[in-house]
């Protein structure tokens, strides 16, 4: 987490690398660590394993009272930037500044946080984790006090919004308080306040909130309007109403899934706009078990919205607790996200980072997720070999503007040329001695080289059988218009990659190794290397060879249907 505050008209920046804690609820004497360098953190594990306790620790960053109640040991690992140290040394330390800069710049400094009264005190802590593990000196203590002053100011600029697992939206009396509690209380009053006070901008509800809601709910629902109305003459209670297909219905009577999405949007969109985003503020959003009563397709769209939101707002960090495998699918390959597996054994909770195959398997076992439940991407693209994957992925990235992700929305499998004859896309293949494609994944597409050498050449019986089986089950089969997939490579990309001067496009049925021989004489043994060299130069303006644009667009549309997009 990058911490920044405005201090004496200067922007001060440091990095909180991690928070460590112990002796809190089911977390015992050994320190547990929450790394803070990712924008999205997913705490995943079984019920009552200690996920919410991690959110409590995060909340301690902005809530002194909560920390006092916890009575746990809390340590920040701080990475001090060189410019910050220069300012701190100048104001706090009266020795050779270069010596301290060389000693501590760009190193992690561990500082323990103690709650005294209603303020903080920071003391240097030296242990095996700190890169500056050594006995404290007078000068280093003074330096750390400078870091402490910085952190104290930074903590005062943290805003944390929390949404509990137990939540609801119900009719409420009118209030000008404008507060929204973690259980959802205040949501109706907040919307009422914005829509009915002349000092508030109602478009943040009627336009911004509604557009975001529809982006998540569509195509299941599409709402045309949102309003509030008084629901009882005897009591001053107001209800939120949504309009869909010309009909109006009360929000309190809808499912909890819709309410969850609205509560998330109230926190992400409405509250920040009422208080205004600021570069000097750090916004932390902690959402617990958003998957409750949400269909998997809605979960995916909600998690995708959260991912886009984080990318748009640089001073935002989001923390999610969940036991849904949909969150794993969404965030496992995200460079801005981390998944922390919370495990509770013999009453003691521990945190495990999911960063290798073994930890992923342990997570799936703990959640009782079977391979048939999760270890399939949403669809499979069958290709002959790895170089085909490189080209198709590049084309998909172009046509989708990288909105679909390999490993989440689709995955490649190789059938290896002549081995294709041993596969079948039929749903009943008993006794045929063939491998069933549908048992691997019911969402499948296949790309096959035609191997035609003239316009009169016919494709072989295996390829015709596979094409017919795929089309029978409304799956996508692409047999190349030219001889091989390499016949689609634009000549401009080859010349750019290799500084060559080929003067024509490879012909439809031309042997590509012969065509490329003046550039790469050993092409056949380096097909993947060649593909990786050329693909960065394939772009929207040059990949219109033969029918490739048409086929890639159809494949992209098929992948979107796999993912309910």
Protein backbone atom coordinates (compact mmCIF):
# COMPACT_ATOMS: atom_id res chain seq x y z
CA UNK A 1 0.00 0.00 0.00
CA UNK A 2 1.48 3.34 -1.03
CA UNK A 3 0.89 5.86 1.73
CA UNK A 4 0.85 9.55 0.88
CA UNK A 5 0.00 12.66 2.91
CA UNK A 6 0.42 16.37 2.36
CA UNK A 7 2.96 17.54 4.93
CA UNK A 8 4.17 21.13 5.03
CA UNK A 9 3.05 21.60 1.40
CA UNK A 10 5.04 18.57 0.29
CA UNK A 11 3.74 15.19 -0.74
CA UNK A 12 5.31 12.55 1.49
CA UNK A 13 5.27 9.01 0.16
CA UNK A 14 6.20 5.70 1.76
CA UNK A 15 5.10 2.14 1.26
CA UNK A 16 3.43 -0.05 3.86
CA UNK A 17 4.71 -3.45 2.75
CA UNK A 18 2.79 -5.56 5.26
CA UNK A 19 0.85 -5.64 8.50
CA UNK A 20 1.69 -8.35 11.00
CA UNK A 21 -0.38 -9.21 14.03
CA UNK A 22 -0.76 -11.81 16.76
CA UNK A 23 -2.90 -12.64 19.80
CA UNK A 24 -6.17 -11.61 18.19
CA UNK A 25 -9.16 -13.94 18.48
CA UNK A 26 -8.17 -17.29 16.90
CA UNK A 27 -4.74 -15.99 15.81
CA UNK A 28 -2.14 -17.14 18.37
CA UNK A 29 1.36 -16.11 19.50
CA UNK A 30 3.10 -16.34 16.13
CA UNK A 31 2.75 -13.32 13.87
CA UNK A 32 0.38 -13.62 10.91
CA UNK A 33 1.14 -11.43 7.92
CA UNK A 34 -1.09 -9.55 5.48
CA UNK A 35 0.92 -8.20 2.55
CA UNK A 36 -0.28 -4.74 1.53
CA UNK A 37 1.32 -4.38 -1.90
CA UNK A 38 -1.72 -5.59 -3.90
CA UNK A 39 -4.76 -3.49 -4.76
CA UNK A 40 -7.21 -6.39 -4.24
CA UNK A 41 -6.86 -8.92 -1.43
CA UNK A 42 -9.14 -11.95 -1.25
CA UNK A 43 -9.39 -13.77 2.08
CA UNK A 44 -10.80 -17.19 1.29
CA UNK A 45 -11.55 -20.14 3.51
CA UNK A 46 -14.23 -22.04 5.33
CA UNK A 47 -16.84 -20.50 7.61
CA UNK A 48 -15.54 -19.34 10.99
CA UNK A 49 -11.90 -19.76 9.97
CA UNK A 50 -10.82 -16.19 10.77
CA UNK A 51 -11.46 -14.22 7.58
CA UNK A 52 -13.43 -11.45 9.32
CA UNK A 53 -10.65 -11.11 11.90
CA UNK A 54 -8.32 -10.09 9.06
CA UNK A 55 -10.80 -7.39 8.10
CA UNK A 56 -10.77 -6.22 11.73
CA UNK A 57 -7.00 -5.83 11.51
CA UNK A 58 -7.29 -3.82 8.29
CA UNK A 59 -9.94 -1.66 9.97
CA UNK A 60 -7.51 -0.94 12.79
CA UNK A 61 -5.67 1.29 10.31
CA UNK A 62 -8.49 3.80 10.51
CA UNK A 63 -10.10 3.08 13.87
CA UNK A 64 -8.13 3.72 17.08
CA UNK A 65 -10.98 2.59 19.31
CA UNK A 66 -11.21 -0.75 17.55
CA UNK A 67 -7.50 -1.30 17.98
CA UNK A 68 -7.74 -0.54 21.70
CA UNK A 69 -10.44 -3.20 22.04
CA UNK A 70 -8.36 -5.76 20.17
CA UNK A 71 -5.34 -5.64 22.50
CA UNK A 72 -3.23 -7.42 19.90
CA UNK A 73 0.32 -6.81 18.75
CA UNK A 74 0.37 -4.96 15.44
CA UNK A 75 3.47 -4.25 13.35
CA UNK A 76 3.89 -2.26 10.15
CA UNK A 77 6.68 -3.15 7.73
CA UNK A 78 7.56 0.16 6.09
CA UNK A 79 9.66 0.68 2.98
CA UNK A 80 11.16 4.16 3.31
CA UNK A 81 11.90 6.09 0.14
CA UNK A 82 15.18 7.96 -0.11
CA UNK A 83 13.56 11.41 -0.46
CA UNK A 84 11.46 10.84 2.65
CA UNK A 85 14.54 9.87 4.62
CA UNK A 86 16.31 13.03 3.51
CA UNK A 87 13.54 15.18 4.95
CA UNK A 88 13.30 13.12 8.14
CA UNK A 89 17.06 13.18 8.69
CA UNK A 90 17.17 16.93 8.21
CA UNK A 91 14.55 17.54 10.87
CA UNK A 92 15.27 14.74 13.32
CA UNK A 93 18.87 13.55 13.16
CA UNK A 94 22.05 15.54 13.63
CA UNK A 95 24.63 13.11 12.25
CA UNK A 96 26.02 12.28 8.84
CA UNK A 97 22.89 11.96 6.70
CA UNK A 98 24.64 9.99 3.95
CA UNK A 99 25.46 7.25 6.45
CA UNK A 100 21.79 6.79 7.39
CA UNK A 101 20.61 7.07 3.79
CA UNK A 102 22.95 4.29 2.73
CA UNK A 103 21.90 2.22 5.72
CA UNK A 104 18.11 2.46 5.58
CA UNK A 105 16.97 3.77 2.19
CA UNK A 106 14.82 1.25 0.27
CA UNK A 107 14.91 -1.19 3.21
CA UNK A 108 12.01 -2.43 5.25
CA UNK A 109 11.72 -0.91 8.71
CA UNK A 110 9.45 -2.67 11.19
CA UNK A 111 7.50 -0.37 13.51
CA UNK A 112 5.20 -1.58 16.25
CA UNK A 113 1.91 0.20 16.80
CA UNK A 114 0.72 0.75 20.38
CA UNK A 115 -2.56 2.38 21.36
CA UNK A 116 -2.16 4.81 24.24
CA UNK A 117 -5.27 6.73 25.12
CA UNK A 118 -6.66 7.94 21.80
CA UNK A 119 -3.34 8.39 20.05
CA UNK A 120 -0.62 6.18 18.60
CA UNK A 121 2.93 5.60 19.65
CA UNK A 122 5.43 3.99 17.29
CA UNK A 123 8.43 2.06 18.54
CA UNK A 124 11.14 0.45 16.36
CA UNK A 125 10.97 -3.34 16.43
CA UNK A 126 13.88 -5.52 15.38
CA UNK A 127 13.27 -9.11 14.40
CA UNK A 128 14.16 -11.68 11.80
CA UNK A 129 11.74 -10.28 9.19
CA UNK A 130 13.04 -6.72 9.19
CA UNK A 131 15.82 -6.01 6.72
CA UNK A 132 17.28 -3.60 9.27
CA UNK A 133 17.45 -6.20 12.04
CA UNK A 134 20.06 -4.86 14.44
CA UNK A 135 20.24 -3.22 17.80
CA UNK A 136 18.77 0.29 17.81
CA UNK A 137 21.04 3.31 17.97
CA UNK A 138 20.17 6.79 19.14
CA UNK A 139 20.27 8.04 15.56
CA UNK A 140 18.12 5.25 14.14
CA UNK A 141 15.52 5.71 16.88
CA UNK A 142 15.30 9.39 16.01
CA UNK A 143 14.96 8.48 12.37
CA UNK A 144 12.20 5.99 13.10
CA UNK A 145 10.41 8.63 15.13
CA UNK A 146 10.34 10.65 11.92
CA UNK A 147 8.78 7.70 10.13
CA UNK A 148 6.34 7.39 13.02
CA UNK A 149 5.24 10.99 12.65
CA UNK A 150 4.66 10.38 8.97
CA UNK A 151 2.60 7.23 9.64
CA UNK A 152 0.51 8.91 12.27
CA UNK A 153 -0.45 11.55 9.76
CA UNK A 154 -1.11 8.95 7.11
CA UNK A 155 -3.41 6.88 9.33
CA UNK A 156 -5.49 9.97 9.88
CA UNK A 157 -6.09 10.05 6.14
CA UNK A 158 -7.39 6.48 5.77
CA UNK A 159 -11.10 5.97 5.13
CA UNK A 160 -12.39 2.42 5.50
CA UNK A 161 -15.82 1.33 4.32
CA UNK A 162 -17.08 -2.08 5.45
CA UNK A 163 -19.99 -4.24 4.34
CA UNK A 164 -20.88 -7.16 6.59
CA UNK A 165 -21.97 -10.61 5.47
CA UNK A 166 -25.31 -10.03 7.20
CA UNK A 167 -26.88 -7.03 5.43
CA UNK A 168 -30.22 -5.72 4.19
CA UNK A 169 -32.02 -2.72 2.73
CA UNK A 170 -35.31 -1.91 4.45
CA UNK A 171 -37.73 1.08 4.57
CA UNK A 172 -36.41 3.83 6.85
CA UNK A 173 -37.50 7.22 8.17
CA UNK A 174 -36.09 10.29 6.46
CA UNK A 175 -32.77 11.38 7.91
CA UNK A 176 -30.15 13.94 6.95
CA UNK A 177 -27.42 11.99 8.70
CA UNK A 178 -26.23 10.42 5.43
CA UNK A 179 -24.42 7.56 7.16
CA UNK A 180 -24.35 4.02 5.78
CA UNK A 181 -23.65 1.26 8.30
CA UNK A 182 -21.87 -2.05 7.56
CA UNK A 183 -25.16 -3.97 7.88
CA UNK A 184 -26.89 -1.80 5.26
CA UNK A 185 -28.80 0.38 7.70
CA UNK A 186 -29.03 3.93 6.39
CA UNK A 187 -29.03 2.97 2.70
CA UNK A 188 -32.66 3.92 2.08
CA UNK A 189 -32.24 7.18 4.00
CA UNK A 190 -29.06 7.96 2.06
CA UNK A 191 -30.77 7.54 -1.32
CA UNK A 192 -33.75 9.56 -0.04
CA UNK A 193 -31.44 12.37 1.09
CA UNK A 194 -29.70 12.57 -2.30
CA UNK A 195 -32.90 12.48 -4.35
CA UNK A 196 -34.87 14.97 -2.25
CA UNK A 197 -32.40 17.61 -1.10
CA UNK A 198 -31.72 20.50 -3.46
CA UNK A 199 -28.14 20.69 -2.21
CA UNK A 200 -27.42 17.15 -3.47
CA UNK A 201 -26.78 16.02 -7.03
CA UNK A 202 -29.47 13.45 -7.76
CA UNK A 203 -27.69 12.25 -10.93
CA UNK A 204 -25.21 10.27 -8.85
CA UNK A 205 -28.13 7.96 -8.00
CA UNK A 206 -30.37 8.26 -11.03
CA UNK A 207 -27.51 8.04 -13.54
CA UNK A 208 -24.22 6.82 -12.04
CA UNK A 209 -25.67 4.24 -9.65
CA UNK A 210 -28.26 3.02 -12.15
CA UNK A 211 -25.72 2.64 -14.99
CA UNK A 212 -23.34 0.70 -12.76
CA UNK A 213 -26.19 -1.48 -11.51
CA UNK A 214 -27.27 -2.30 -15.05
CA UNK A 215 -23.70 -3.06 -16.13
CA UNK A 216 -23.66 -5.83 -13.51
CA UNK A 217 -27.26 -7.04 -13.73
CA UNK A 218 -27.61 -7.12 -17.54
CA UNK A 219 -28.82 -9.28 -19.28
CA UNK A 220 -30.77 -10.69 -16.31
CA UNK A 221 -32.34 -7.30 -15.59
CA UNK A 222 -32.25 -3.76 -16.90
CA UNK A 223 -33.67 -1.00 -14.72
CA UNK A 224 -35.04 2.25 -16.17
CA UNK A 225 -35.34 4.26 -12.99
CA UNK A 226 -34.91 4.53 -9.24
CA UNK A 227 -36.86 6.63 -6.75
CA UNK A 228 -38.03 6.78 -3.10
CA UNK A 229 -41.56 7.19 -1.84
CA UNK A 230 -43.31 7.35 1.51
CA UNK A 231 -44.88 3.98 2.34
CA UNK A 232 -46.94 4.65 5.49
CA UNK A 233 -49.18 7.48 6.60
CA UNK A 234 -48.82 6.66 10.29
CA UNK A 235 -45.05 6.53 10.22
CA UNK A 236 -42.55 8.61 8.29
CA UNK A 237 -41.02 5.63 6.51
CA UNK A 238 -39.66 5.71 2.97
CA UNK A 239 -39.01 2.92 0.49
CA UNK A 240 -36.64 2.62 -2.50
CA UNK A 241 -38.41 1.65 -5.74
CA UNK A 242 -36.89 0.37 -8.98
CA UNK A 243 -38.49 0.57 -12.42
CA UNK A 244 -38.14 -2.27 -14.92
CA UNK A 245 -40.14 -2.70 -18.15
CA UNK A 246 -42.51 0.03 -17.08
CA UNK A 247 -43.29 -1.60 -13.73
CA UNK A 248 -42.36 -0.34 -10.29
CA UNK A 249 -41.43 -2.61 -7.40
CA UNK A 250 -40.11 -2.02 -3.84
CA UNK A 251 -36.48 -2.86 -3.19
CA UNK A 252 -37.25 -4.36 0.23
CA UNK A 253 -39.28 -7.08 -1.52
CA UNK A 254 -36.50 -8.14 -3.88
CA UNK A 255 -33.86 -10.80 -3.33
CA UNK A 256 -30.81 -10.21 -1.17
CA UNK A 257 -28.52 -10.56 -4.19
CA UNK A 258 -29.80 -7.35 -5.79
CA UNK A 259 -29.56 -5.58 -2.44
CA UNK A 260 -25.95 -6.72 -2.08
CA UNK A 261 -25.00 -5.22 -5.44
CA UNK A 262 -26.71 -1.92 -4.58
CA UNK A 263 -24.95 -1.78 -1.21
CA UNK A 264 -21.57 -2.36 -2.88
CA UNK A 265 -22.31 0.45 -5.34
CA UNK A 266 -23.45 2.81 -2.58
CA UNK A 267 -20.09 2.27 -0.90
CA UNK A 268 -17.97 2.51 -4.05
CA UNK A 269 -19.81 5.25 -5.92
CA UNK A 270 -22.06 7.31 -3.67
CA UNK A 271 -20.15 7.69 -0.40
CA UNK A 272 -16.88 8.76 -2.08
CA UNK A 273 -18.72 11.30 -4.26
CA UNK A 274 -20.43 12.81 -1.22
CA UNK A 275 -17.09 13.21 0.54
CA UNK A 276 -15.03 13.68 -2.68
CA UNK A 277 -12.02 11.61 -3.60
CA UNK A 278 -8.68 13.18 -2.72
CA UNK A 279 -5.07 12.28 -3.49
CA UNK A 280 -4.29 12.69 0.20
CA UNK A 281 -6.91 10.10 1.21
CA UNK A 282 -6.56 6.33 1.08
CA UNK A 283 -9.85 4.49 0.57
CA UNK A 284 -10.14 0.92 1.83
CA UNK A 285 -13.27 -1.11 1.07
CA UNK A 286 -13.88 -4.36 2.94
CA UNK A 287 -16.74 -6.50 1.60
CA UNK A 288 -17.67 -9.78 3.30
CA UNK A 289 -19.14 -12.76 1.43
CA UNK A 290 -20.59 -10.89 -1.53
CA UNK A 291 -21.48 -14.24 -3.10
CA UNK A 292 -24.35 -14.80 -0.66
CA UNK A 293 -27.52 -15.39 -2.72
CA UNK A 294 -25.81 -14.36 -5.96
CA UNK A 295 -25.93 -16.54 -9.05
CA UNK A 296 -22.40 -17.45 -10.28
CA UNK A 297 -22.85 -15.28 -13.40
CA UNK A 298 -23.73 -12.28 -11.22
CA UNK A 299 -20.79 -13.02 -8.95
CA UNK A 300 -18.45 -12.89 -11.94
CA UNK A 301 -19.88 -9.62 -13.19
CA UNK A 302 -19.73 -8.06 -9.73
CA UNK A 303 -16.12 -9.16 -9.20
CA UNK A 304 -15.22 -7.90 -12.69
CA UNK A 305 -16.79 -4.53 -11.84
CA UNK A 306 -14.70 -4.35 -8.66
CA UNK A 307 -11.58 -5.14 -10.66
CA UNK A 308 -12.34 -2.33 -13.15
CA UNK A 309 -13.10 0.07 -10.31
CA UNK A 310 -9.72 -0.54 -8.68
CA UNK A 311 -7.90 0.02 -11.96
CA UNK A 312 -9.71 3.35 -12.35
CA UNK A 313 -9.03 4.68 -8.82
CA UNK A 314 -5.37 4.59 -7.80
CA UNK A 315 -5.95 5.45 -4.14
CA UNK A 316 -8.28 2.48 -3.53
CA UNK A 317 -7.63 -0.94 -1.99
CA UNK A 318 -10.36 -3.57 -1.74
CA UNK A 319 -10.51 -6.51 0.67
CA UNK A 320 -12.92 -9.39 0.12
CA UNK A 321 -13.79 -12.35 2.30
CA UNK A 322 -15.33 -15.31 0.53
CA UNK A 323 -15.62 -19.06 0.27
CA UNK A 324 -16.67 -18.93 -3.38
CA UNK A 325 -14.56 -20.52 -6.10
CA UNK A 326 -15.80 -17.81 -8.48
CA UNK A 327 -13.47 -15.39 -6.69
CA UNK A 328 -10.57 -17.75 -7.35
CA UNK A 329 -11.40 -17.83 -11.06
CA UNK A 330 -11.68 -14.04 -11.20
CA UNK A 331 -8.60 -12.98 -9.28
CA UNK A 332 -6.11 -15.88 -9.43
CA UNK A 333 -4.42 -14.56 -12.58
CA UNK A 334 -4.77 -10.87 -11.72
CA UNK A 335 -1.43 -9.09 -11.23
CA UNK A 336 -3.10 -6.51 -8.97
CA UNK A 337 -4.66 -9.13 -6.68
CA UNK A 338 -3.58 -11.69 -4.11
CA UNK A 339 -5.47 -14.63 -2.62
CA UNK A 340 -4.84 -15.43 1.04
CA UNK A 341 -6.07 -18.80 2.28
CA UNK A 342 -7.21 -18.72 5.92
CA UNK A 343 -6.91 -22.11 7.62
CA UNK A 344 -8.08 -23.00 11.12
CA UNK A 345 -6.63 -26.10 12.78
CA UNK A 346 -7.16 -27.02 16.44
CA UNK A 347 -8.73 -23.62 17.06
CA UNK A 348 -5.76 -21.64 15.69
CA UNK A 349 -6.00 -19.60 12.47
CA UNK A 350 -3.12 -19.09 10.04
CA UNK A 351 -2.72 -17.22 6.74
CA UNK A 352 -1.28 -18.89 3.64
CA UNK A 353 -0.53 -17.06 0.40
CA UNK A 354 -1.77 -18.83 -2.73
CA UNK A 355 1.20 -18.58 -5.05
CA UNK A 356 2.07 -22.08 -6.26
CA UNK A 357 0.43 -25.30 -7.42
CA UNK A 358 0.51 -27.00 -4.02
CA UNK A 359 -1.09 -24.06 -2.20
CA UNK A 360 -3.82 -23.90 -4.88
CA UNK A 361 -4.57 -27.60 -4.44
CA UNK A 362 -4.71 -27.22 -0.65
CA UNK A 363 -7.13 -24.33 -1.05
CA UNK A 364 -9.44 -26.35 -3.30
CA UNK A 365 -9.32 -29.30 -0.93
CA UNK A 366 -10.17 -27.05 2.02
CA UNK A 367 -13.17 -25.62 0.17
CA UNK A 368 -14.22 -29.14 -0.91
CA UNK A 369 -14.10 -28.01 -4.53
CA UNK A 370 -13.75 -30.89 -6.98
CA UNK A 371 -11.92 -30.69 -10.28
CA UNK A 372 -15.23 -30.97 -12.11
CA UNK A 373 -16.46 -27.90 -10.18
CA UNK A 374 -13.54 -25.61 -10.82
CA UNK A 375 -10.52 -26.86 -12.69
CA UNK A 376 -12.03 -26.08 -16.04
CA UNK A 377 -11.79 -22.71 -17.68
CA UNK A 378 -15.14 -21.46 -18.91
CA UNK A 379 -14.28 -22.86 -22.33
CA UNK A 380 -11.62 -24.72 -24.27
CA UNK A 381 -10.09 -23.77 -27.63
CA UNK A 382 -8.58 -26.87 -29.18
CA UNK A 383 -5.57 -26.14 -31.40
CA UNK A 384 -3.00 -28.30 -33.12
CA UNK A 385 0.05 -26.93 -31.31
CA UNK A 386 1.55 -24.14 -29.19
CA UNK A 387 2.34 -21.75 -32.06
CA UNK A 388 -1.36 -21.77 -33.03
CA UNK A 389 -2.17 -20.67 -29.48
CA UNK A 390 0.19 -17.67 -29.78
CA UNK A 391 -1.50 -16.38 -32.95
CA UNK A 392 -5.08 -16.97 -31.80
CA UNK A 393 -4.47 -15.33 -28.43
CA UNK A 394 -3.02 -12.29 -30.19
CA UNK A 395 -6.03 -12.01 -32.52
CA UNK A 396 -8.44 -12.40 -29.59
CA UNK A 397 -6.61 -9.68 -27.66
CA UNK A 398 -7.03 -7.35 -30.66
CA UNK A 399 -10.72 -7.99 -31.30
CA UNK A 400 -11.67 -8.03 -27.59
CA UNK A 401 -9.35 -5.18 -26.59
CA UNK A 402 -8.02 -7.60 -23.95
CA UNK A 403 -11.40 -7.79 -22.23
CA UNK A 404 -11.21 -11.60 -22.11
CA UNK A 405 -8.42 -13.40 -20.28
CA UNK A 406 -6.76 -16.70 -21.06
CA UNK A 407 -7.04 -19.08 -18.11
CA UNK A 408 -10.24 -17.45 -16.86
CA UNK A 409 -12.56 -16.93 -19.83
CA UNK A 410 -10.97 -19.57 -22.05
CA UNK A 411 -8.05 -21.99 -22.20
CA UNK A 412 -6.12 -23.77 -24.94
CA UNK A 413 -5.64 -27.51 -25.30
CA UNK A 414 -3.51 -29.19 -27.95
CA UNK A 415 -4.71 -32.13 -30.03
CA UNK A 416 -1.43 -32.63 -31.93
CA UNK A 417 -2.13 -32.98 -35.63
CA UNK A 418 -2.92 -36.56 -36.62
CA UNK A 419 -4.00 -37.36 -33.05
CA UNK A 420 -7.21 -35.46 -33.91
CA UNK A 421 -8.60 -38.70 -35.38
CA UNK A 422 -8.82 -40.12 -31.84
CA UNK A 423 -11.12 -37.33 -30.58
CA UNK A 424 -14.87 -36.92 -30.84
CA UNK A 425 -17.34 -34.15 -30.00
CA UNK A 426 -20.27 -36.59 -29.73
CA UNK A 427 -21.98 -36.85 -26.36
CA UNK A 428 -22.35 -40.66 -26.70
CA UNK A 429 -19.10 -42.37 -27.75
CA UNK A 430 -19.34 -45.66 -25.86
CA UNK A 431 -17.55 -48.44 -27.73
CA UNK A 432 -16.05 -46.11 -30.34
CA UNK A 433 -12.59 -46.04 -28.73
CA UNK A 434 -12.47 -42.24 -29.00
CA UNK A 435 -11.62 -39.48 -26.48
CA UNK A 436 -14.63 -37.32 -25.60
CA UNK A 437 -14.07 -33.58 -26.02
CA UNK A 438 -17.31 -32.73 -24.21
CA UNK A 439 -16.22 -34.53 -21.04
CA UNK A 440 -13.20 -32.20 -20.90
CA UNK A 441 -15.39 -29.12 -21.21
CA UNK A 442 -18.89 -28.70 -22.59
CA UNK A 443 -17.86 -25.26 -23.96
CA UNK A 444 -15.42 -26.00 -26.76
CA UNK A 445 -14.14 -24.53 -30.01
CA UNK A 446 -11.59 -26.00 -32.39
CA UNK A 447 -9.20 -24.56 -34.97
CA UNK A 448 -7.95 -26.94 -37.71
CA UNK A 449 -5.50 -26.43 -40.54
CA UNK A 450 -7.20 -27.27 -43.82
CA UNK A 451 -3.89 -28.53 -45.32
CA UNK A 452 -5.31 -27.72 -48.74
CA UNK A 453 -2.65 -27.22 -51.42
CA UNK A 454 -5.07 -26.16 -54.18
CA UNK A 455 -8.62 -24.89 -54.35
CA UNK A 456 -9.71 -28.36 -55.53
CA UNK A 457 -8.14 -30.21 -52.58
CA UNK A 458 -10.75 -31.68 -50.21
CA UNK A 459 -10.33 -31.79 -46.46
CA UNK A 460 -9.95 -35.28 -45.06
CA UNK A 461 -12.66 -37.39 -43.43
CA UNK A 462 -11.45 -36.79 -39.85
CA UNK A 463 -11.71 -33.02 -40.22
CA UNK A 464 -15.14 -33.28 -41.84
CA UNK A 465 -16.32 -35.55 -39.00
CA UNK A 466 -15.04 -33.15 -36.30
CA UNK A 467 -16.61 -30.18 -38.11
CA UNK A 468 -19.98 -31.92 -38.33
CA UNK A 469 -19.87 -33.00 -34.66
CA UNK A 470 -19.02 -29.48 -33.48
CA UNK A 471 -21.70 -27.86 -35.61
CA UNK A 472 -24.26 -30.42 -34.43
CA UNK A 473 -23.70 -29.28 -30.84
CA UNK A 474 -23.60 -25.58 -31.83
CA UNK A 475 -19.91 -25.33 -31.07
CA UNK A 476 -17.41 -23.34 -33.10
CA UNK A 477 -15.23 -25.10 -35.68
CA UNK A 478 -12.76 -23.06 -37.72
CA UNK A 479 -11.05 -24.81 -40.61
CA UNK A 480 -8.49 -22.42 -42.07
CA UNK A 481 -9.25 -20.89 -45.44
CA UNK A 482 -5.60 -21.22 -46.40
CA UNK A 483 -3.31 -24.20 -46.01
CA UNK A 484 -2.23 -23.52 -42.41
CA UNK A 485 -2.71 -20.93 -39.74
CA UNK A 486 0.64 -19.35 -40.71
CA UNK A 487 -0.90 -18.33 -44.05
CA UNK A 488 -2.84 -15.71 -42.05
CA UNK A 489 0.30 -13.93 -40.79
CA UNK A 490 0.44 -10.43 -42.32
CA UNK A 491 3.58 -9.69 -44.29
CA UNK A 492 3.85 -6.29 -42.56
CA UNK A 493 4.27 -8.00 -39.18
CA UNK A 494 7.01 -10.29 -40.50
CA UNK A 495 8.95 -7.42 -42.04
CA UNK A 496 8.64 -5.36 -38.84
CA UNK A 497 9.75 -8.23 -36.61
CA UNK A 498 12.76 -9.27 -38.70
CA UNK A 499 13.61 -6.06 -40.57
CA UNK A 500 13.04 -8.04 -43.76
CA UNK A 501 11.72 -6.87 -47.12
CA UNK A 502 9.23 -9.50 -48.22
CA UNK A 503 7.23 -7.88 -50.99
CA UNK A 504 4.05 -9.97 -50.94
CA UNK A 505 1.63 -11.75 -48.67
CA UNK A 506 1.95 -15.52 -48.36
CA UNK A 507 -0.51 -17.03 -50.83
CA UNK A 508 -3.57 -18.98 -49.68
CA UNK A 509 -2.17 -22.45 -50.44
CA UNK A 510 1.55 -21.63 -50.44
CA UNK A 511 3.89 -23.65 -48.23
CA UNK A 512 4.80 -21.22 -45.49
CA UNK A 513 8.31 -22.67 -44.78
CA UNK A 514 9.19 -22.02 -48.44
CA UNK A 515 7.70 -18.54 -48.31
CA UNK A 516 9.65 -17.57 -45.19
CA UNK A 517 12.93 -19.32 -46.10
CA UNK A 518 14.74 -16.09 -46.97
CA UNK A 519 13.95 -14.75 -43.49
CA UNK A 520 14.01 -17.92 -41.35
CA UNK A 521 15.58 -20.96 -42.97
CA UNK A 522 14.92 -23.08 -39.88
CA UNK A 523 11.28 -22.02 -39.44
CA UNK A 524 9.88 -25.55 -39.01
CA UNK A 525 11.99 -26.19 -35.90
CA UNK A 526 11.33 -22.74 -34.38
CA UNK A 527 7.62 -22.19 -34.99
CA UNK A 528 6.85 -21.02 -31.45
CA UNK A 529 9.86 -18.68 -31.36
CA UNK A 530 8.80 -17.23 -34.71
CA UNK A 531 5.22 -16.75 -33.49
CA UNK A 532 6.37 -14.90 -30.38
CA UNK A 533 8.61 -12.65 -32.48
CA UNK A 534 5.94 -11.74 -35.02
CA UNK A 535 2.80 -11.43 -32.88
CA UNK A 536 3.63 -8.09 -31.20
CA UNK A 537 3.55 -6.56 -34.70
CA UNK A 538 0.17 -8.00 -35.64
CA UNK A 539 -2.37 -5.22 -35.10
CA UNK A 540 -5.86 -4.04 -36.00
CA UNK A 541 -4.67 -2.42 -39.22
CA UNK A 542 -2.85 -5.41 -40.72
CA UNK A 543 -4.47 -8.67 -39.66
CA UNK A 544 -7.19 -8.69 -42.35
CA UNK A 545 -5.75 -11.67 -44.24
CA UNK A 546 -8.24 -14.07 -45.84
CA UNK A 547 -11.13 -14.74 -43.42
CA UNK A 548 -9.22 -14.30 -40.15
CA UNK A 549 -11.16 -11.23 -38.95
CA UNK A 550 -14.50 -12.94 -39.53
CA UNK A 551 -13.43 -16.14 -37.76
CA UNK A 552 -11.79 -14.45 -34.78
CA UNK A 553 -14.87 -12.28 -34.26
CA UNK A 554 -17.09 -15.39 -34.22
CA UNK A 555 -14.72 -17.09 -31.78
CA UNK A 556 -14.79 -14.02 -29.54
CA UNK A 557 -18.61 -13.98 -29.57
CA UNK A 558 -18.61 -17.67 -28.65
CA UNK A 559 -16.24 -17.05 -25.71
CA UNK A 560 -18.53 -14.28 -24.47
CA UNK A 561 -21.46 -16.71 -24.43
CA UNK A 562 -19.35 -19.15 -22.40
CA UNK A 563 -18.92 -16.41 -19.82
CA UNK A 564 -22.49 -15.07 -19.98
CA UNK A 565 -21.24 -11.73 -21.31
